[in-house]
Amino acid sequence: MVLIVDSGSTKSDWIAVDNNGNKLLEKIRTEGLNPAILSESKLTKRIEKSDVLIKHSKEVTHLYFYGAGCGTDNAILSLGNVLKKMFPNAHVEVNEDTLAAVYATINNPKEAAVVCILGTGSNCSYFDGENLHQRVISLGYTLMDDASGNYYGKQLVRDYYYNKMPENIKIAFGSKFNMDADFIKNSLYKKPSPNAYLANFAEFMFLHKDSDYTIDLIKKGIRLFTETMIMQYKEELKTVPVHFAGSIAYFAQDEIKAVAEEMGFTAGNFVRRPIEGLIPFHTKNL
């Protein structure tokens, strides 16, 4: 059994296939497994919540994990330790989520492209057709993650409290979420995964895209992400497209394409969930 995992900070999708790529189990979903913000014990507990994974743990021969927060050696080592203990018979590989986005979005295995992830967090890399190049190491949601779900969640909450929302949007926002100050501060500063908590607000934008306020908010984030991340690859952008993966990117396609035209890069493919594209890539290389 081969397990392929695509994990963000909010959720992780697991697909079990045989050596020919045939699905063996229904897709499994667990909470996000971000080793940059979760201890090994918390990572373990989140996996253990899945009875299906525990039941089949000894049947797994290969496990390919792609995840947010897996961009440093310590994070890879930490998560690798957890996975090797839980799946004792498996060959385990841990890679950052950007690599999964590359394999899922490029048009052929040797295509060069700048590849971005806009999900709970955000990231951007250059794939030269063989190797991945990362010019900015992510420092996470507190300092970076422009145009991500948690970025937009933070902007929405700030605008609500600073009275920057149009009145009808503010009423709708306040009726959808618990905007009590104590509740928000408790969720941000005392509960686990505050980045995922903030990202939960982002869906609101896409339910209210008939508002100029919302469109402007989305574009502002995309422009910021372009300036800080995409433009790290100015020379490459002259000849390669920019592909996008993740839910935020998928639902903000129109705004991304508008900003691309405005700021001089070519928007390429959009994939909401990269995991499906990873099945043929890995099973043909077993």
C-alpha atoms as a PDB file:
ATOM      1  CA  MET A   1       0.000   0.000   0.000  1.00  0.00           C
ATOM      2  CA  VAL A   2       1.251   3.450  -0.968  1.00  0.00           C
ATOM      3  CA  LEU A   3       0.093   6.459   1.042  1.00  0.00           C
ATOM      4  CA  ILE A   4       0.292   9.933  -0.507  1.00  0.00           C
ATOM      5  CA  VAL A   5      -0.406  12.881   1.771  1.00  0.00           C
ATOM      6  CA  ASP A   6      -1.054  16.526   0.957  1.00  0.00           C
ATOM      7  CA  SER A   7      -1.140  18.527   4.175  1.00  0.00           C
ATOM      8  CA  GLY A   8      -1.793  22.140   5.021  1.00  0.00           C
ATOM      9  CA  SER A   9      -2.063  23.663   8.449  1.00  0.00           C
ATOM     10  CA  THR A  10      -5.848  23.176   8.496  1.00  0.00           C
ATOM     11  CA  LYS A  11      -6.324  19.707   7.016  1.00  0.00           C
ATOM     12  CA  SER A  12      -4.460  16.755   5.550  1.00  0.00           C
ATOM     13  CA  ASP A  13      -5.703  14.586   2.686  1.00  0.00           C
ATOM     14  CA  TRP A  14      -4.465  10.980   2.518  1.00  0.00           C
ATOM     15  CA  ILE A  15      -4.862   8.727  -0.527  1.00  0.00           C
ATOM     16  CA  ALA A  16      -4.075   4.993  -0.402  1.00  0.00           C
ATOM     17  CA  VAL A  17      -3.235   3.293  -3.705  1.00  0.00           C
ATOM     18  CA  ASP A  18      -1.605   0.095  -4.908  1.00  0.00           C
ATOM     19  CA  ASN A  19       1.560  -0.025  -7.020  1.00  0.00           C
ATOM     20  CA  ASN A  20      -0.474   0.609 -10.177  1.00  0.00           C
ATOM     21  CA  GLY A  21      -2.196   3.701  -8.811  1.00  0.00           C
ATOM     22  CA  ASN A  22      -5.551   2.038  -8.100  1.00  0.00           C
ATOM     23  CA  LYS A  23      -7.255   3.492  -5.049  1.00  0.00           C
ATOM     24  CA  LEU A  24      -7.541   1.053  -2.160  1.00  0.00           C
ATOM     25  CA  LEU A  25      -9.474   3.179   0.331  1.00  0.00           C
ATOM     26  CA  GLU A  26     -11.752   6.179   0.320  1.00  0.00           C
ATOM     27  CA  LYS A  27      -9.814   9.421   0.749  1.00  0.00           C
ATOM     28  CA  ILE A  28      -8.910   9.975   4.387  1.00  0.00           C
ATOM     29  CA  ARG A  29      -8.881  13.406   6.000  1.00  0.00           C
ATOM     30  CA  THR A  30      -7.163  14.379   9.221  1.00  0.00           C
ATOM     31  CA  GLU A  31      -6.360  17.685  10.860  1.00  0.00           C
ATOM     32  CA  GLY A  32      -3.390  19.584   9.449  1.00  0.00           C
ATOM     33  CA  LEU A  33       0.093  18.261  10.248  1.00  0.00           C
ATOM     34  CA  ASN A  34       2.401  21.264  10.255  1.00  0.00           C
ATOM     35  CA  PRO A  35       5.655  20.346  12.056  1.00  0.00           C
ATOM     36  CA  ALA A  36       6.679  23.993  12.240  1.00  0.00           C
ATOM     37  CA  ILE A  37       3.926  24.723  14.757  1.00  0.00           C
ATOM     38  CA  LEU A  38       3.052  21.311  16.240  1.00  0.00           C
ATOM     39  CA  SER A  39       5.119  19.094  18.539  1.00  0.00           C
ATOM     40  CA  GLU A  40       5.743  15.438  17.729  1.00  0.00           C
ATOM     41  CA  SER A  41       3.208  14.407  20.355  1.00  0.00           C
ATOM     42  CA  LYS A  42       0.512  16.635  18.845  1.00  0.00           C
ATOM     43  CA  LEU A  43       1.310  15.410  15.338  1.00  0.00           C
ATOM     44  CA  THR A  44       0.969  11.832  16.577  1.00  0.00           C
ATOM     45  CA  LYS A  45      -2.354  12.490  18.292  1.00  0.00           C
ATOM     46  CA  ARG A  46      -3.815  14.002  15.139  1.00  0.00           C
ATOM     47  CA  ILE A  47      -2.921  10.937  13.078  1.00  0.00           C
ATOM     48  CA  GLU A  48      -4.161   8.565  15.777  1.00  0.00           C
ATOM     49  CA  LYS A  49      -7.637  10.075  15.494  1.00  0.00           C
ATOM     50  CA  SER A  50      -8.037   8.219  12.193  1.00  0.00           C
ATOM     51  CA  ASP A  51      -9.133   4.645  12.879  1.00  0.00           C
ATOM     52  CA  VAL A  52      -8.567   3.775   9.214  1.00  0.00           C
ATOM     53  CA  LEU A  53      -4.915   4.867   9.270  1.00  0.00           C
ATOM     54  CA  ILE A  54      -4.263   2.969  12.490  1.00  0.00           C
ATOM     55  CA  LYS A  55      -5.968  -0.151  11.134  1.00  0.00           C
ATOM     56  CA  HIS A  56      -3.826  -0.223   7.961  1.00  0.00           C
ATOM     57  CA  SER A  57      -0.606   1.250   9.354  1.00  0.00           C
ATOM     58  CA  LYS A  58       1.474  -1.935   8.990  1.00  0.00           C
ATOM     59  CA  GLU A  59       0.340  -2.487   5.391  1.00  0.00           C
ATOM     60  CA  VAL A  60       1.941   0.726   4.145  1.00  0.00           C
ATOM     61  CA  THR A  61       5.140   0.144   2.134  1.00  0.00           C
ATOM     62  CA  HIS A  62       5.708   3.706   0.883  1.00  0.00           C
ATOM     63  CA  LEU A  63       4.577   7.025   2.353  1.00  0.00           C
ATOM     64  CA  TYR A  64       5.071  10.288   0.470  1.00  0.00           C
ATOM     65  CA  PHE A  65       4.212  13.340   2.558  1.00  0.00           C
ATOM     66  CA  TYR A  66       3.973  16.903   1.227  1.00  0.00           C
ATOM     67  CA  GLY A  67       3.173  19.554   3.767  1.00  0.00           C
ATOM     68  CA  ALA A  68       3.132  23.112   4.990  1.00  0.00           C
ATOM     69  CA  GLY A  69       5.905  23.800   7.462  1.00  0.00           C
ATOM     70  CA  CYS A  70       8.227  21.175   5.933  1.00  0.00           C
ATOM     71  CA  GLY A  71      10.751  23.630   4.558  1.00  0.00           C
ATOM     72  CA  THR A  72      13.478  23.168   7.190  1.00  0.00           C
ATOM     73  CA  ASP A  73      15.617  20.196   8.196  1.00  0.00           C
ATOM     74  CA  ASN A  74      14.334  20.160  11.780  1.00  0.00           C
ATOM     75  CA  ALA A  75      10.697  20.142  10.677  1.00  0.00           C
ATOM     76  CA  ILE A  76      11.322  17.310   8.200  1.00  0.00           C
ATOM     77  CA  LEU A  77      13.163  15.305  10.864  1.00  0.00           C
ATOM     78  CA  SER A  78      10.405  15.843  13.437  1.00  0.00           C
ATOM     79  CA  LEU A  79       7.556  14.754  11.167  1.00  0.00           C
ATOM     80  CA  GLY A  80       9.637  11.940   9.698  1.00  0.00           C
ATOM     81  CA  ASN A  81      10.163  10.527  13.190  1.00  0.00           C
ATOM     82  CA  VAL A  82       6.420  10.528  13.805  1.00  0.00           C
ATOM     83  CA  LEU A  83       5.543   8.889  10.488  1.00  0.00           C
ATOM     84  CA  LYS A  84       8.225   6.189  10.763  1.00  0.00           C
ATOM     85  CA  LYS A  85       6.949   5.199  14.208  1.00  0.00           C
ATOM     86  CA  MET A  86       3.336   5.073  13.080  1.00  0.00           C
ATOM     87  CA  PHE A  87       4.007   3.292   9.778  1.00  0.00           C
ATOM     88  CA  PRO A  88       6.887   0.972  10.748  1.00  0.00           C
ATOM     89  CA  ASN A  89       7.132  -0.933   7.453  1.00  0.00           C
ATOM     90  CA  ALA A  90       7.067   2.091   5.185  1.00  0.00           C
ATOM     91  CA  HIS A  91       9.721   3.950   3.248  1.00  0.00           C
ATOM     92  CA  VAL A  92       8.953   7.544   4.307  1.00  0.00           C
ATOM     93  CA  GLU A  93       9.700  10.743   2.385  1.00  0.00           C
ATOM     94  CA  VAL A  94       8.767  14.201   3.700  1.00  0.00           C
ATOM     95  CA  ASN A  95       8.781  17.178   1.324  1.00  0.00           C
ATOM     96  CA  GLU A  96       7.531  20.731   1.488  1.00  0.00           C
ATOM     97  CA  ASP A  97       4.105  21.401   0.015  1.00  0.00           C
ATOM     98  CA  THR A  98       5.503  23.495  -2.817  1.00  0.00           C
ATOM     99  CA  LEU A  99       6.929  20.384  -4.474  1.00  0.00           C
ATOM    100  CA  ALA A 100       3.467  18.785  -4.534  1.00  0.00           C
ATOM    101  CA  ALA A 101       2.103  21.937  -6.120  1.00  0.00           C
ATOM    102  CA  VAL A 102       4.809  21.740  -8.788  1.00  0.00           C
ATOM    103  CA  TYR A 103       4.023  18.151  -9.740  1.00  0.00           C
ATOM    104  CA  ALA A 104       0.284  18.891  -9.844  1.00  0.00           C
ATOM    105  CA  THR A 105       0.387  22.110 -11.897  1.00  0.00           C
ATOM    106  CA  ILE A 106       3.145  21.804 -14.508  1.00  0.00           C
ATOM    107  CA  ASN A 107       2.076  20.702 -17.985  1.00  0.00           C
ATOM    108  CA  ASN A 108       4.908  18.204 -18.425  1.00  0.00           C
ATOM    109  CA  PRO A 109       7.615  16.808 -16.105  1.00  0.00           C
ATOM    110  CA  LYS A 110      10.327  19.072 -17.520  1.00  0.00           C
ATOM    111  CA  GLU A 111       8.346  22.319 -17.688  1.00  0.00           C
ATOM    112  CA  ALA A 112       9.969  25.268 -15.931  1.00  0.00           C
ATOM    113  CA  ALA A 113       7.576  27.448 -13.959  1.00  0.00           C
ATOM    114  CA  VAL A 114       7.150  29.651 -10.929  1.00  0.00           C
ATOM    115  CA  VAL A 115       4.717  27.796  -8.663  1.00  0.00           C
ATOM    116  CA  CYS A 116       2.714  29.400  -5.861  1.00  0.00           C
ATOM    117  CA  ILE A 117       0.607  28.036  -3.040  1.00  0.00           C
ATOM    118  CA  LEU A 118      -2.224  30.128  -1.640  1.00  0.00           C
ATOM    119  CA  GLY A 119      -4.038  28.103   1.004  1.00  0.00           C
ATOM    120  CA  THR A 120      -4.056  28.450   4.773  1.00  0.00           C
ATOM    121  CA  GLY A 121      -0.482  29.687   4.287  1.00  0.00           C
ATOM    122  CA  SER A 122       1.381  30.847   1.177  1.00  0.00           C
ATOM    123  CA  ASN A 123       4.634  30.104  -0.598  1.00  0.00           C
ATOM    124  CA  CYS A 124       6.363  30.533  -3.944  1.00  0.00           C
ATOM    125  CA  SER A 125       9.195  28.646  -5.673  1.00  0.00           C
ATOM    126  CA  TYR A 126      10.853  28.261  -9.057  1.00  0.00           C
ATOM    127  CA  PHE A 127      11.042  24.853 -10.713  1.00  0.00           C
ATOM    128  CA  ASP A 128      13.682  24.748 -13.467  1.00  0.00           C
ATOM    129  CA  GLY A 129      12.452  21.458 -14.934  1.00  0.00           C
ATOM    130  CA  GLU A 130      14.545  19.355 -12.579  1.00  0.00           C
ATOM    131  CA  ASN A 131      15.141  21.156  -9.288  1.00  0.00           C
ATOM    132  CA  LEU A 132      13.158  23.396  -6.976  1.00  0.00           C
ATOM    133  CA  HIS A 133      14.596  26.782  -6.003  1.00  0.00           C
ATOM    134  CA  GLN A 134      13.294  28.665  -2.981  1.00  0.00           C
ATOM    135  CA  ARG A 135      14.615  32.202  -2.584  1.00  0.00           C
ATOM    136  CA  VAL A 136      12.607  33.077   0.508  1.00  0.00           C
ATOM    137  CA  ILE A 137      12.379  30.727   3.481  1.00  0.00           C
ATOM    138  CA  SER A 138       8.930  31.075   4.993  1.00  0.00           C
ATOM    139  CA  LEU A 139       8.793  32.388   8.547  1.00  0.00           C
ATOM    140  CA  GLY A 140       5.130  31.437   8.897  1.00  0.00           C
ATOM    141  CA  TYR A 141       1.885  33.234   9.452  1.00  0.00           C
ATOM    142  CA  THR A 142       3.076  35.830  11.974  1.00  0.00           C
ATOM    143  CA  LEU A 143       5.597  37.477   9.630  1.00  0.00           C
ATOM    144  CA  MET A 144       4.790  36.226   6.124  1.00  0.00           C
ATOM    145  CA  ASP A 145       2.036  34.245   4.359  1.00  0.00           C
ATOM    146  CA  ASP A 146       0.806  37.177   2.252  1.00  0.00           C
ATOM    147  CA  ALA A 147      -2.452  36.495   0.344  1.00  0.00           C
ATOM    148  CA  SER A 148      -3.049  33.294   2.320  1.00  0.00           C
ATOM    149  CA  GLY A 149      -6.192  32.286   4.156  1.00  0.00           C
ATOM    150  CA  ASN A 150      -4.763  33.426   7.472  1.00  0.00           C
ATOM    151  CA  TYR A 151      -3.619  36.731   5.917  1.00  0.00           C
ATOM    152  CA  TYR A 152      -7.122  37.460   4.662  1.00  0.00           C
ATOM    153  CA  GLY A 153      -8.674  36.312   7.933  1.00  0.00           C
ATOM    154  CA  LYS A 154      -6.507  38.775   9.813  1.00  0.00           C
ATOM    155  CA  GLN A 155      -7.438  41.599   7.428  1.00  0.00           C
ATOM    156  CA  LEU A 156     -11.147  40.851   7.756  1.00  0.00           C
ATOM    157  CA  VAL A 157     -11.067  40.804  11.555  1.00  0.00           C
ATOM    158  CA  ARG A 158      -9.024  44.021  11.643  1.00  0.00           C
ATOM    159  CA  ASP A 159     -11.385  45.758   9.222  1.00  0.00           C
ATOM    160  CA  TYR A 160     -14.348  44.650  11.309  1.00  0.00           C
ATOM    161  CA  TYR A 161     -12.893  46.116  14.491  1.00  0.00           C
ATOM    162  CA  TYR A 162     -11.498  49.245  12.813  1.00  0.00           C
ATOM    163  CA  ASN A 163     -14.896  49.896  11.177  1.00  0.00           C
ATOM    164  CA  LYS A 164     -13.434  49.713   7.673  1.00  0.00           C
ATOM    165  CA  MET A 165     -16.077  47.358   6.314  1.00  0.00           C
ATOM    166  CA  PRO A 166     -19.182  48.632   4.510  1.00  0.00           C
ATOM    167  CA  GLU A 167     -22.076  48.407   6.940  1.00  0.00           C
ATOM    168  CA  ASN A 168     -23.894  45.586   5.115  1.00  0.00           C
ATOM    169  CA  ILE A 169     -20.691  43.522   4.943  1.00  0.00           C
ATOM    170  CA  LYS A 170     -19.973  44.164   8.607  1.00  0.00           C
ATOM    171  CA  ILE A 171     -23.454  43.002   9.618  1.00  0.00           C
ATOM    172  CA  ALA A 172     -23.105  39.831   7.522  1.00  0.00           C
ATOM    173  CA  PHE A 173     -19.629  39.152   8.930  1.00  0.00           C
ATOM    174  CA  GLY A 174     -20.764  39.665  12.522  1.00  0.00           C
ATOM    175  CA  SER A 175     -23.731  37.347  12.076  1.00  0.00           C
ATOM    176  CA  LYS A 176     -21.591  34.559  10.590  1.00  0.00           C
ATOM    177  CA  PHE A 177     -18.767  34.561  13.149  1.00  0.00           C
ATOM    178  CA  ASN A 178     -18.375  34.985  16.890  1.00  0.00           C
ATOM    179  CA  MET A 179     -16.769  38.430  17.019  1.00  0.00           C
ATOM    180  CA  ASP A 180     -16.616  38.701  20.789  1.00  0.00           C
ATOM    181  CA  ALA A 181     -13.169  40.094  21.654  1.00  0.00           C
ATOM    182  CA  ASP A 182     -12.512  37.560  24.414  1.00  0.00           C
ATOM    183  CA  PHE A 183     -13.445  34.670  22.127  1.00  0.00           C
ATOM    184  CA  ILE A 184     -11.137  35.920  19.365  1.00  0.00           C
ATOM    185  CA  LYS A 185      -8.197  36.509  21.704  1.00  0.00           C
ATOM    186  CA  ASN A 186      -8.650  33.106  23.310  1.00  0.00           C
ATOM    187  CA  SER A 187      -8.673  31.463  19.854  1.00  0.00           C
ATOM    188  CA  LEU A 188      -5.565  33.367  18.774  1.00  0.00           C
ATOM    189  CA  TYR A 189      -3.421  33.226  21.883  1.00  0.00           C
ATOM    190  CA  LYS A 190      -4.510  30.227  23.926  1.00  0.00           C
ATOM    191  CA  LYS A 191      -5.744  27.597  21.480  1.00  0.00           C
ATOM    192  CA  PRO A 192      -3.623  25.565  19.012  1.00  0.00           C
ATOM    193  CA  SER A 193      -3.307  26.453  15.300  1.00  0.00           C
ATOM    194  CA  PRO A 194      -4.225  30.165  15.323  1.00  0.00           C
ATOM    195  CA  ASN A 195      -3.235  30.319  11.648  1.00  0.00           C
ATOM    196  CA  ALA A 196      -5.962  27.815  10.788  1.00  0.00           C
ATOM    197  CA  TYR A 197      -8.431  29.738  12.971  1.00  0.00           C
ATOM    198  CA  LEU A 198      -7.725  32.936  11.023  1.00  0.00           C
ATOM    199  CA  ALA A 199      -7.978  31.105   7.698  1.00  0.00           C
ATOM    200  CA  ASN A 200     -11.546  30.048   8.524  1.00  0.00           C
ATOM    201  CA  PHE A 201     -12.659  33.649   7.960  1.00  0.00           C
ATOM    202  CA  ALA A 202     -11.374  33.737   4.377  1.00  0.00           C
ATOM    203  CA  GLU A 203     -14.310  31.831   2.865  1.00  0.00           C
ATOM    204  CA  PHE A 204     -16.443  34.867   3.668  1.00  0.00           C
ATOM    205  CA  MET A 205     -14.724  36.859   0.913  1.00  0.00           C
ATOM    206  CA  PHE A 206     -15.738  34.430  -1.783  1.00  0.00           C
ATOM    207  CA  LEU A 207     -19.339  34.416  -0.603  1.00  0.00           C
ATOM    208  CA  HIS A 208     -19.432  38.209  -0.954  1.00  0.00           C
ATOM    209  CA  LYS A 209     -17.548  38.850  -4.172  1.00  0.00           C
ATOM    210  CA  ASP A 210     -20.307  41.170  -5.345  1.00  0.00           C
ATOM    211  CA  SER A 211     -18.786  43.845  -3.099  1.00  0.00           C
ATOM    212  CA  ASP A 212     -16.081  46.262  -4.267  1.00  0.00           C
ATOM    213  CA  TYR A 213     -14.684  46.076  -0.744  1.00  0.00           C
ATOM    214  CA  THR A 214     -14.101  42.325  -1.076  1.00  0.00           C
ATOM    215  CA  ILE A 215     -12.598  42.509  -4.573  1.00  0.00           C
ATOM    216  CA  ASP A 216     -10.231  45.274  -3.461  1.00  0.00           C
ATOM    217  CA  LEU A 217      -9.225  43.263  -0.384  1.00  0.00           C
ATOM    218  CA  ILE A 218      -8.410  40.182  -2.466  1.00  0.00           C
ATOM    219  CA  LYS A 219      -6.395  42.174  -5.010  1.00  0.00           C
ATOM    220  CA  LYS A 220      -4.491  44.011  -2.280  1.00  0.00           C
ATOM    221  CA  GLY A 221      -3.291  40.681  -0.894  1.00  0.00           C
ATOM    222  CA  ILE A 222      -2.356  39.353  -4.345  1.00  0.00           C
ATOM    223  CA  ARG A 223      -0.372  42.509  -5.129  1.00  0.00           C
ATOM    224  CA  LEU A 224       1.493  42.188  -1.839  1.00  0.00           C
ATOM    225  CA  PHE A 225       2.250  38.509  -2.515  1.00  0.00           C
ATOM    226  CA  THR A 226       3.450  39.415  -6.009  1.00  0.00           C
ATOM    227  CA  GLU A 227       5.801  42.086  -4.653  1.00  0.00           C
ATOM    228  CA  THR A 228       7.239  39.980  -1.838  1.00  0.00           C
ATOM    229  CA  MET A 229       7.302  36.508  -3.394  1.00  0.00           C
ATOM    230  CA  ILE A 230       6.623  36.239  -7.134  1.00  0.00           C
ATOM    231  CA  MET A 231       8.964  39.115  -7.993  1.00  0.00           C
ATOM    232  CA  GLN A 232      11.828  37.213  -6.360  1.00  0.00           C
ATOM    233  CA  TYR A 233      11.969  35.526  -9.784  1.00  0.00           C
ATOM    234  CA  LYS A 234      11.978  38.582 -12.058  1.00  0.00           C
ATOM    235  CA  GLU A 235      14.317  37.102 -14.643  1.00  0.00           C
ATOM    236  CA  GLU A 236      12.510  33.768 -14.800  1.00  0.00           C
ATOM    237  CA  LEU A 237       9.143  35.505 -15.215  1.00  0.00           C
ATOM    238  CA  LYS A 238      10.247  36.761 -18.618  1.00  0.00           C
ATOM    239  CA  THR A 239      10.000  33.236 -20.037  1.00  0.00           C
ATOM    240  CA  VAL A 240       7.906  31.037 -17.696  1.00  0.00           C
ATOM    241  CA  PRO A 241       4.307  31.045 -16.422  1.00  0.00           C
ATOM    242  CA  VAL A 242       3.200  31.307 -12.811  1.00  0.00           C
ATOM    243  CA  HIS A 243       1.051  28.349 -11.703  1.00  0.00           C
ATOM    244  CA  PHE A 244      -1.104  28.363  -8.567  1.00  0.00           C
ATOM    245  CA  ALA A 245      -2.326  25.712  -6.143  1.00  0.00           C
ATOM    246  CA  GLY A 246      -4.600  25.924  -3.104  1.00  0.00           C
ATOM    247  CA  SER A 247      -8.162  26.949  -2.319  1.00  0.00           C
ATOM    248  CA  ILE A 248      -7.502  30.682  -2.018  1.00  0.00           C
ATOM    249  CA  ALA A 249      -5.814  30.748  -5.419  1.00  0.00           C
ATOM    250  CA  TYR A 250      -8.524  28.604  -6.988  1.00  0.00           C
ATOM    251  CA  PHE A 251     -11.366  30.866  -5.886  1.00  0.00           C
ATOM    252  CA  ALA A 252      -9.420  34.082  -6.578  1.00  0.00           C
ATOM    253  CA  GLN A 253      -8.519  33.222 -10.173  1.00  0.00           C
ATOM    254  CA  ASP A 254     -10.152  36.309 -11.680  1.00  0.00           C
ATOM    255  CA  GLU A 255      -8.378  38.634  -9.257  1.00  0.00           C
ATOM    256  CA  ILE A 256      -5.034  36.880  -9.754  1.00  0.00           C
ATOM    257  CA  LYS A 257      -5.322  37.147 -13.530  1.00  0.00           C
ATOM    258  CA  ALA A 258      -6.159  40.855 -13.228  1.00  0.00           C
ATOM    259  CA  VAL A 259      -3.147  41.481 -10.978  1.00  0.00           C
ATOM    260  CA  ALA A 260      -0.952  39.394 -13.297  1.00  0.00           C
ATOM    261  CA  GLU A 261      -1.837  41.638 -16.227  1.00  0.00           C
ATOM    262  CA  GLU A 262      -1.324  44.714 -14.067  1.00  0.00           C
ATOM    263  CA  MET A 263       2.069  43.621 -12.677  1.00  0.00           C
ATOM    264  CA  GLY A 264       3.499  41.865 -15.712  1.00  0.00           C
ATOM    265  CA  PHE A 265       3.501  38.123 -15.218  1.00  0.00           C
ATOM    266  CA  THR A 266       1.665  35.262 -16.940  1.00  0.00           C
ATOM    267  CA  ALA A 267      -0.893  33.387 -14.825  1.00  0.00           C
ATOM    268  CA  GLY A 268      -0.853  29.713 -15.795  1.00  0.00           C
ATOM    269  CA  ASN A 269      -2.717  26.768 -14.288  1.00  0.00           C
ATOM    270  CA  PHE A 270      -4.885  26.716 -11.172  1.00  0.00           C
ATOM    271  CA  VAL A 271      -5.319  23.566  -9.073  1.00  0.00           C
ATOM    272  CA  ARG A 272      -7.395  23.502  -5.922  1.00  0.00           C
ATOM    273  CA  ARG A 273      -6.068  20.229  -4.453  1.00  0.00           C
ATOM    274  CA  PRO A 274      -2.685  18.991  -5.713  1.00  0.00           C
ATOM    275  CA  ILE A 275      -2.971  15.473  -4.306  1.00  0.00           C
ATOM    276  CA  GLU A 276      -4.671  13.835  -7.312  1.00  0.00           C
ATOM    277  CA  GLY A 277      -1.777  14.782  -9.568  1.00  0.00           C
ATOM    278  CA  LEU A 278       0.685  13.051  -7.262  1.00  0.00           C
ATOM    279  CA  ILE A 279      -0.689   9.530  -7.795  1.00  0.00           C
ATOM    280  CA  PRO A 280       0.703   8.876 -11.304  1.00  0.00           C
ATOM    281  CA  PHE A 281       3.955  10.645 -10.451  1.00  0.00           C
ATOM    282  CA  HIS A 282       4.751   8.328  -7.568  1.00  0.00           C
ATOM    283  CA  THR A 283       3.339   4.989  -8.697  1.00  0.00           C
ATOM    284  CA  LYS A 284       5.262   5.041 -11.984  1.00  0.00           C
ATOM    285  CA  ASN A 285       8.482   5.574 -10.026  1.00  0.00           C
ATOM    286  CA  LEU A 286       8.060   2.677  -7.579  1.00  0.00           C
END
